[in-house]
Amino acid sequence: MKPELDQPTETLRSDIDTTRERMDETIDRLGDRLQGRHLVDEVIGFFPQQQ
């Protein structure tokens, strides 16, 4: 491989790795939000509170 191609390739790989890490974090946060108790709280919040 030509030396001038090495830097852009490494930059692209680094960008891809960074994007994957961010996606993993986002998916983890979405998974936390989709856990059972949180969903129940969300559904309960849709209904008006009766007194």
Protein backbone atom coordinates (compact mmCIF):
# COMPACT_ATOMS: atom_id res chain seq x y z
CA MET A 1 0.00 0.00 0.00
CA LYS A 2 1.24 3.50 -0.76
CA PRO A 3 2.26 5.58 2.29
CA GLU A 4 -0.05 8.44 1.30
CA LEU A 5 -3.03 6.08 1.55
CA ASP A 6 -2.15 4.90 5.06
CA GLN A 7 -3.17 8.08 6.89
CA PRO A 8 -6.63 8.45 5.34
CA THR A 9 -7.26 4.75 5.90
CA GLU A 10 -6.32 5.00 9.56
CA THR A 11 -8.44 8.12 9.94
CA LEU A 12 -11.44 6.30 8.44
CA ARG A 13 -10.90 3.31 10.72
CA SER A 14 -10.69 5.59 13.73
CA ASP A 15 -13.90 7.34 12.69
CA ILE A 16 -15.63 3.98 12.27
CA ASP A 17 -14.47 2.84 15.71
CA THR A 18 -15.71 6.08 17.27
CA THR A 19 -19.09 5.72 15.55
CA ARG A 20 -19.41 2.12 16.76
CA GLU A 21 -18.67 3.17 20.34
CA ARG A 22 -21.28 5.92 20.18
CA MET A 23 -23.83 3.52 18.71
CA ASP A 24 -23.11 0.98 21.47
CA GLU A 25 -23.68 3.66 24.10
CA THR A 26 -26.93 4.75 22.45
CA ILE A 27 -28.19 1.18 22.22
CA ASP A 28 -27.33 0.59 25.89
CA ARG A 29 -29.25 3.72 26.90
CA LEU A 30 -32.24 2.67 24.79
CA GLY A 31 -32.12 -0.77 26.38
CA ASP A 32 -32.19 0.81 29.83
CA ARG A 33 -35.24 2.86 28.85
CA LEU A 34 -37.04 -0.19 27.51
CA GLN A 35 -36.78 -2.19 30.71
CA GLY A 36 -40.10 -3.30 32.20
CA ARG A 37 -40.39 -0.90 35.14
CA HIS A 38 -39.61 2.13 33.03
CA LEU A 39 -42.24 1.13 30.48
CA VAL A 40 -44.84 0.72 33.20
CA ASP A 41 -44.01 4.19 34.52
CA GLU A 42 -44.34 5.63 31.01
CA VAL A 43 -47.74 3.99 30.45
CA ILE A 44 -49.03 5.15 33.84
CA GLY A 45 -47.94 8.68 32.94
CA PHE A 46 -50.31 8.69 29.95
CA PHE A 47 -53.39 8.38 32.11
CA PRO A 48 -54.78 11.27 34.13
CA GLN A 49 -54.47 10.87 37.86
CA GLN A 50 -57.81 10.37 39.61
CA GLN A 51 -58.38 11.87 43.01
